[in-house]
Amino acid sequence: MHRGTLLGPLLLLAGLFLLFRGDLHLGTGSIFAYFWPTLFVLPLAVFFHWLYFSVLGGKGVGVLVPGGVLLTVYGVCQIAMLLDNWSMMWPGFILAPAVGLFELYWFGGRNKWLLIPINILTFLSLLFFAIFSVGYVLGKLTGGSSLLAILLIGAGALALMSRRRESI
């Protein structure tokens, strides 16, 4: 494998992080604070996948479940740390077991009964991501809760007035 294959994306991500994070003092503590998922969770996820694909030679498909879970948890935690947005990223933890089970399904004989928990967990995760994303966007657009409160009061008043007109 060429050095640039691994080094290029890492340098690109580091540059983007510094660009979007603004004025930041980088030291050992802040590297651990921001990149602990990359330092501790990602190696475990890669280890489980390496174990299945290289060491076990496609046997022992069960090691893909913790590998998929940890890979998803890594992504959720790393994005949440870099963007400081845990309140929107938490549904990814519901998605994590779905990813692990999907890897078990995909590489382990395609047991159709695994699709039930995979679909339920994926649906719940996407539902919560959508709900919290809409809430986040509305919060940013309204600039605070007072504008949202005024809009809700106005919508409620309109609904009451239209109901009275219909009954007259």
C-alpha atoms as a PDB file:
ATOM      1  CA  MET A   1       0.000   0.000   0.000  1.00  0.00           C
ATOM      2  CA  HIS A   2       1.252   3.437  -0.899  1.00  0.00           C
ATOM      3  CA  ARG A   3       1.999   5.878   1.942  1.00  0.00           C
ATOM      4  CA  GLY A   4      -0.237   8.550   0.424  1.00  0.00           C
ATOM      5  CA  THR A   5      -3.245   6.243   0.589  1.00  0.00           C
ATOM      6  CA  LEU A   6      -3.363   6.583   4.366  1.00  0.00           C
ATOM      7  CA  LEU A   7      -1.489   9.823   4.900  1.00  0.00           C
ATOM      8  CA  GLY A   8      -3.449  11.870   2.337  1.00  0.00           C
ATOM      9  CA  PRO A   9      -6.906  11.497   3.909  1.00  0.00           C
ATOM     10  CA  LEU A  10      -5.486  12.012   7.408  1.00  0.00           C
ATOM     11  CA  LEU A  11      -3.796  15.264   6.390  1.00  0.00           C
ATOM     12  CA  LEU A  12      -6.940  16.373   4.567  1.00  0.00           C
ATOM     13  CA  LEU A  13      -9.117  15.698   7.626  1.00  0.00           C
ATOM     14  CA  ALA A  14      -6.636  17.419   9.950  1.00  0.00           C
ATOM     15  CA  GLY A  15      -6.595  20.486   7.697  1.00  0.00           C
ATOM     16  CA  LEU A  16     -10.401  20.620   7.516  1.00  0.00           C
ATOM     17  CA  PHE A  17     -10.610  20.257  11.290  1.00  0.00           C
ATOM     18  CA  LEU A  18      -8.226  23.156  11.857  1.00  0.00           C
ATOM     19  CA  LEU A  19     -10.010  25.268   9.250  1.00  0.00           C
ATOM     20  CA  PHE A  20     -13.487  24.792  10.730  1.00  0.00           C
ATOM     21  CA  ARG A  21     -12.488  24.695  14.391  1.00  0.00           C
ATOM     22  CA  GLY A  22     -10.939  28.151  14.274  1.00  0.00           C
ATOM     23  CA  ASP A  23      -8.429  29.390  16.821  1.00  0.00           C
ATOM     24  CA  LEU A  24      -7.400  26.272  18.677  1.00  0.00           C
ATOM     25  CA  HIS A  25      -4.372  25.463  20.763  1.00  0.00           C
ATOM     26  CA  LEU A  26      -3.229  21.989  19.789  1.00  0.00           C
ATOM     27  CA  GLY A  27      -1.441  20.092  22.488  1.00  0.00           C
ATOM     28  CA  THR A  28      -1.373  16.556  23.780  1.00  0.00           C
ATOM     29  CA  GLY A  29      -4.469  17.137  25.889  1.00  0.00           C
ATOM     30  CA  SER A  30      -6.549  18.618  23.087  1.00  0.00           C
ATOM     31  CA  ILE A  31      -5.492  15.854  20.671  1.00  0.00           C
ATOM     32  CA  PHE A  32      -6.695  13.258  23.165  1.00  0.00           C
ATOM     33  CA  ALA A  33      -9.823  15.303  23.865  1.00  0.00           C
ATOM     34  CA  TYR A  34     -10.836  15.596  20.208  1.00  0.00           C
ATOM     35  CA  PHE A  35      -9.478  12.376  18.738  1.00  0.00           C
ATOM     36  CA  TRP A  36      -9.975   9.752  21.467  1.00  0.00           C
ATOM     37  CA  PRO A  37     -12.385   7.795  19.209  1.00  0.00           C
ATOM     38  CA  THR A  38      -9.705   7.534  16.520  1.00  0.00           C
ATOM     39  CA  LEU A  39      -7.062   6.573  19.055  1.00  0.00           C
ATOM     40  CA  PHE A  40      -9.030   4.001  21.053  1.00  0.00           C
ATOM     41  CA  VAL A  41     -12.267   2.901  19.353  1.00  0.00           C
ATOM     42  CA  LEU A  42     -11.247   2.738  15.680  1.00  0.00           C
ATOM     43  CA  PRO A  43      -8.295   0.375  16.252  1.00  0.00           C
ATOM     44  CA  LEU A  44     -10.614  -2.118  17.982  1.00  0.00           C
ATOM     45  CA  ALA A  45     -13.132  -1.943  15.132  1.00  0.00           C
ATOM     46  CA  VAL A  46     -10.371  -2.469  12.578  1.00  0.00           C
ATOM     47  CA  PHE A  47      -8.980  -5.335  14.673  1.00  0.00           C
ATOM     48  CA  PHE A  48     -12.288  -7.246  14.618  1.00  0.00           C
ATOM     49  CA  HIS A  49     -12.646  -6.774  10.872  1.00  0.00           C
ATOM     50  CA  TRP A  50      -9.014  -7.751  10.269  1.00  0.00           C
ATOM     51  CA  LEU A  51      -9.548 -10.807  12.454  1.00  0.00           C
ATOM     52  CA  TYR A  52     -12.504 -11.966  10.359  1.00  0.00           C
ATOM     53  CA  PHE A  53     -11.162 -11.167   6.895  1.00  0.00           C
ATOM     54  CA  SER A  54      -7.480 -12.053   7.368  1.00  0.00           C
ATOM     55  CA  VAL A  55      -6.909 -14.367  10.324  1.00  0.00           C
ATOM     56  CA  LEU A  56     -10.105 -16.420  10.409  1.00  0.00           C
ATOM     57  CA  GLY A  57     -10.431 -16.517   6.631  1.00  0.00           C
ATOM     58  CA  GLY A  58     -14.165 -15.894   6.558  1.00  0.00           C
ATOM     59  CA  LYS A  59     -14.991 -18.255   9.423  1.00  0.00           C
ATOM     60  CA  GLY A  60     -16.185 -16.967  12.792  1.00  0.00           C
ATOM     61  CA  VAL A  61     -18.553 -14.395  11.347  1.00  0.00           C
ATOM     62  CA  GLY A  62     -19.638 -13.428  14.878  1.00  0.00           C
ATOM     63  CA  VAL A  63     -16.570 -11.187  15.300  1.00  0.00           C
ATOM     64  CA  LEU A  64     -18.119  -8.837  12.756  1.00  0.00           C
ATOM     65  CA  VAL A  65     -20.912  -7.894  15.176  1.00  0.00           C
ATOM     66  CA  PRO A  66     -18.633  -6.077  17.656  1.00  0.00           C
ATOM     67  CA  GLY A  67     -16.585  -4.841  14.696  1.00  0.00           C
ATOM     68  CA  GLY A  68     -19.619  -3.207  13.089  1.00  0.00           C
ATOM     69  CA  VAL A  69     -20.874  -1.844  16.403  1.00  0.00           C
ATOM     70  CA  LEU A  70     -17.494  -0.316  17.239  1.00  0.00           C
ATOM     71  CA  LEU A  71     -17.047   1.102  13.744  1.00  0.00           C
ATOM     72  CA  THR A  72     -20.398   2.889  13.986  1.00  0.00           C
ATOM     73  CA  VAL A  73     -19.721   4.055  17.552  1.00  0.00           C
ATOM     74  CA  TYR A  74     -16.375   5.388  16.351  1.00  0.00           C
ATOM     75  CA  GLY A  75     -18.061   7.420  13.611  1.00  0.00           C
ATOM     76  CA  VAL A  76     -20.712   8.794  15.948  1.00  0.00           C
ATOM     77  CA  CYS A  77     -18.237   9.724  18.666  1.00  0.00           C
ATOM     78  CA  GLN A  78     -15.667  11.241  16.299  1.00  0.00           C
ATOM     79  CA  ILE A  79     -18.232  13.411  14.514  1.00  0.00           C
ATOM     80  CA  ALA A  80     -19.769  14.460  17.840  1.00  0.00           C
ATOM     81  CA  MET A  81     -16.355  15.390  19.255  1.00  0.00           C
ATOM     82  CA  LEU A  82     -15.269  17.370  16.209  1.00  0.00           C
ATOM     83  CA  LEU A  83     -18.553  19.221  15.797  1.00  0.00           C
ATOM     84  CA  ASP A  84     -19.370  19.382  19.521  1.00  0.00           C
ATOM     85  CA  ASN A  85     -22.855  18.133  18.783  1.00  0.00           C
ATOM     86  CA  TRP A  86     -23.673  15.173  21.002  1.00  0.00           C
ATOM     87  CA  SER A  87     -27.300  16.244  21.218  1.00  0.00           C
ATOM     88  CA  MET A  88     -27.800  15.445  17.526  1.00  0.00           C
ATOM     89  CA  MET A  89     -25.487  12.446  17.170  1.00  0.00           C
ATOM     90  CA  TRP A  90     -26.862  10.168  19.906  1.00  0.00           C
ATOM     91  CA  PRO A  91     -29.248   8.252  17.557  1.00  0.00           C
ATOM     92  CA  GLY A  92     -26.125   6.774  16.005  1.00  0.00           C
ATOM     93  CA  PHE A  93     -25.792   4.604  19.104  1.00  0.00           C
ATOM     94  CA  ILE A  94     -29.130   2.992  18.203  1.00  0.00           C
ATOM     95  CA  LEU A  95     -27.798   2.407  14.685  1.00  0.00           C
ATOM     96  CA  ALA A  96     -24.602   0.718  15.944  1.00  0.00           C
ATOM     97  CA  PRO A  97     -26.081  -2.717  16.759  1.00  0.00           C
ATOM     98  CA  ALA A  98     -28.013  -2.608  13.484  1.00  0.00           C
ATOM     99  CA  VAL A  99     -24.736  -2.220  11.595  1.00  0.00           C
ATOM    100  CA  GLY A 100     -23.128  -5.082  13.523  1.00  0.00           C
ATOM    101  CA  LEU A 101     -26.113  -7.332  12.897  1.00  0.00           C
ATOM    102  CA  PHE A 102     -26.181  -6.332   9.241  1.00  0.00           C
ATOM    103  CA  GLU A 103     -22.560  -7.423   8.864  1.00  0.00           C
ATOM    104  CA  LEU A 104     -23.524 -10.729  10.475  1.00  0.00           C
ATOM    105  CA  TYR A 105     -26.421 -11.020   8.030  1.00  0.00           C
ATOM    106  CA  TRP A 106     -24.371 -10.065   4.973  1.00  0.00           C
ATOM    107  CA  PHE A 107     -21.360 -12.295   5.592  1.00  0.00           C
ATOM    108  CA  GLY A 108     -23.019 -15.046   7.622  1.00  0.00           C
ATOM    109  CA  GLY A 109     -25.469 -16.914   5.466  1.00  0.00           C
ATOM    110  CA  ARG A 110     -28.203 -14.283   5.111  1.00  0.00           C
ATOM    111  CA  ASN A 111     -30.499 -15.357   7.946  1.00  0.00           C
ATOM    112  CA  LYS A 112     -33.665 -13.412   7.059  1.00  0.00           C
ATOM    113  CA  TRP A 113     -34.739 -13.189  10.721  1.00  0.00           C
ATOM    114  CA  LEU A 114     -31.834 -10.841  11.398  1.00  0.00           C
ATOM    115  CA  LEU A 115     -33.526  -8.293   9.148  1.00  0.00           C
ATOM    116  CA  ILE A 116     -36.264  -7.701  11.754  1.00  0.00           C
ATOM    117  CA  PRO A 117     -34.035  -6.136  14.462  1.00  0.00           C
ATOM    118  CA  ILE A 118     -31.824  -4.545  11.790  1.00  0.00           C
ATOM    119  CA  ASN A 119     -34.791  -2.733  10.234  1.00  0.00           C
ATOM    120  CA  ILE A 120     -36.363  -1.749  13.563  1.00  0.00           C
ATOM    121  CA  LEU A 121     -33.117  -0.295  14.925  1.00  0.00           C
ATOM    122  CA  THR A 122     -32.288   1.444  11.648  1.00  0.00           C
ATOM    123  CA  PHE A 123     -35.777   2.953  11.406  1.00  0.00           C
ATOM    124  CA  LEU A 124     -35.662   4.229  15.003  1.00  0.00           C
ATOM    125  CA  SER A 125     -32.217   5.700  14.506  1.00  0.00           C
ATOM    126  CA  LEU A 126     -33.163   7.473  11.283  1.00  0.00           C
ATOM    127  CA  LEU A 127     -36.415   8.696  12.840  1.00  0.00           C
ATOM    128  CA  PHE A 128     -34.592  10.231  15.800  1.00  0.00           C
ATOM    129  CA  PHE A 129     -31.918  11.707  13.510  1.00  0.00           C
ATOM    130  CA  ALA A 130     -34.675  13.313  11.427  1.00  0.00           C
ATOM    131  CA  ILE A 131     -36.598  14.632  14.435  1.00  0.00           C
ATOM    132  CA  PHE A 132     -33.552  16.118  16.122  1.00  0.00           C
ATOM    133  CA  SER A 133     -32.205  17.518  12.834  1.00  0.00           C
ATOM    134  CA  VAL A 134     -35.487  19.300  12.125  1.00  0.00           C
ATOM    135  CA  GLY A 135     -35.523  20.609  15.689  1.00  0.00           C
ATOM    136  CA  TYR A 136     -31.948  21.831  15.340  1.00  0.00           C
ATOM    137  CA  VAL A 137     -32.636  23.550  12.010  1.00  0.00           C
ATOM    138  CA  LEU A 138     -35.840  25.162  13.328  1.00  0.00           C
ATOM    139  CA  GLY A 139     -33.975  26.353  16.390  1.00  0.00           C
ATOM    140  CA  LYS A 140     -31.306  27.957  14.206  1.00  0.00           C
ATOM    141  CA  LEU A 141     -33.858  29.497  11.837  1.00  0.00           C
ATOM    142  CA  THR A 142     -36.072  30.965  14.532  1.00  0.00           C
ATOM    143  CA  GLY A 143     -33.148  32.362  16.470  1.00  0.00           C
ATOM    144  CA  GLY A 144     -34.622  31.256  19.752  1.00  0.00           C
ATOM    145  CA  SER A 145     -37.713  29.982  21.419  1.00  0.00           C
ATOM    146  CA  SER A 146     -39.573  33.311  21.574  1.00  0.00           C
ATOM    147  CA  LEU A 147     -40.150  33.445  17.809  1.00  0.00           C
ATOM    148  CA  LEU A 148     -41.215  29.810  17.807  1.00  0.00           C
ATOM    149  CA  ALA A 149     -43.608  30.508  20.681  1.00  0.00           C
ATOM    150  CA  ILE A 150     -45.157  33.407  18.772  1.00  0.00           C
ATOM    151  CA  LEU A 151     -45.579  31.217  15.674  1.00  0.00           C
ATOM    152  CA  LEU A 152     -47.252  28.475  17.727  1.00  0.00           C
ATOM    153  CA  ILE A 153     -49.607  30.943  19.405  1.00  0.00           C
ATOM    154  CA  GLY A 154     -50.524  32.414  16.024  1.00  0.00           C
ATOM    155  CA  ALA A 155     -51.119  28.972  14.492  1.00  0.00           C
ATOM    156  CA  GLY A 156     -53.285  27.975  17.464  1.00  0.00           C
ATOM    157  CA  ALA A 157     -55.326  31.164  17.236  1.00  0.00           C
ATOM    158  CA  LEU A 158     -55.861  30.656  13.497  1.00  0.00           C
ATOM    159  CA  ALA A 159     -56.965  27.066  14.105  1.00  0.00           C
ATOM    160  CA  LEU A 160     -59.472  28.187  16.742  1.00  0.00           C
ATOM    161  CA  MET A 161     -60.873  30.978  14.555  1.00  0.00           C
ATOM    162  CA  SER A 162     -61.277  28.686  11.549  1.00  0.00           C
ATOM    163  CA  ARG A 163     -63.094  26.151  13.738  1.00  0.00           C
ATOM    164  CA  ARG A 164     -65.547  28.828  14.966  1.00  0.00           C
ATOM    165  CA  ARG A 165     -66.302  29.931  11.394  1.00  0.00           C
ATOM    166  CA  GLU A 166     -67.120  26.374  10.388  1.00  0.00           C
ATOM    167  CA  SER A 167     -69.590  25.939  13.263  1.00  0.00           C
ATOM    168  CA  ILE A 168     -71.455  29.210  12.520  1.00  0.00           C
END
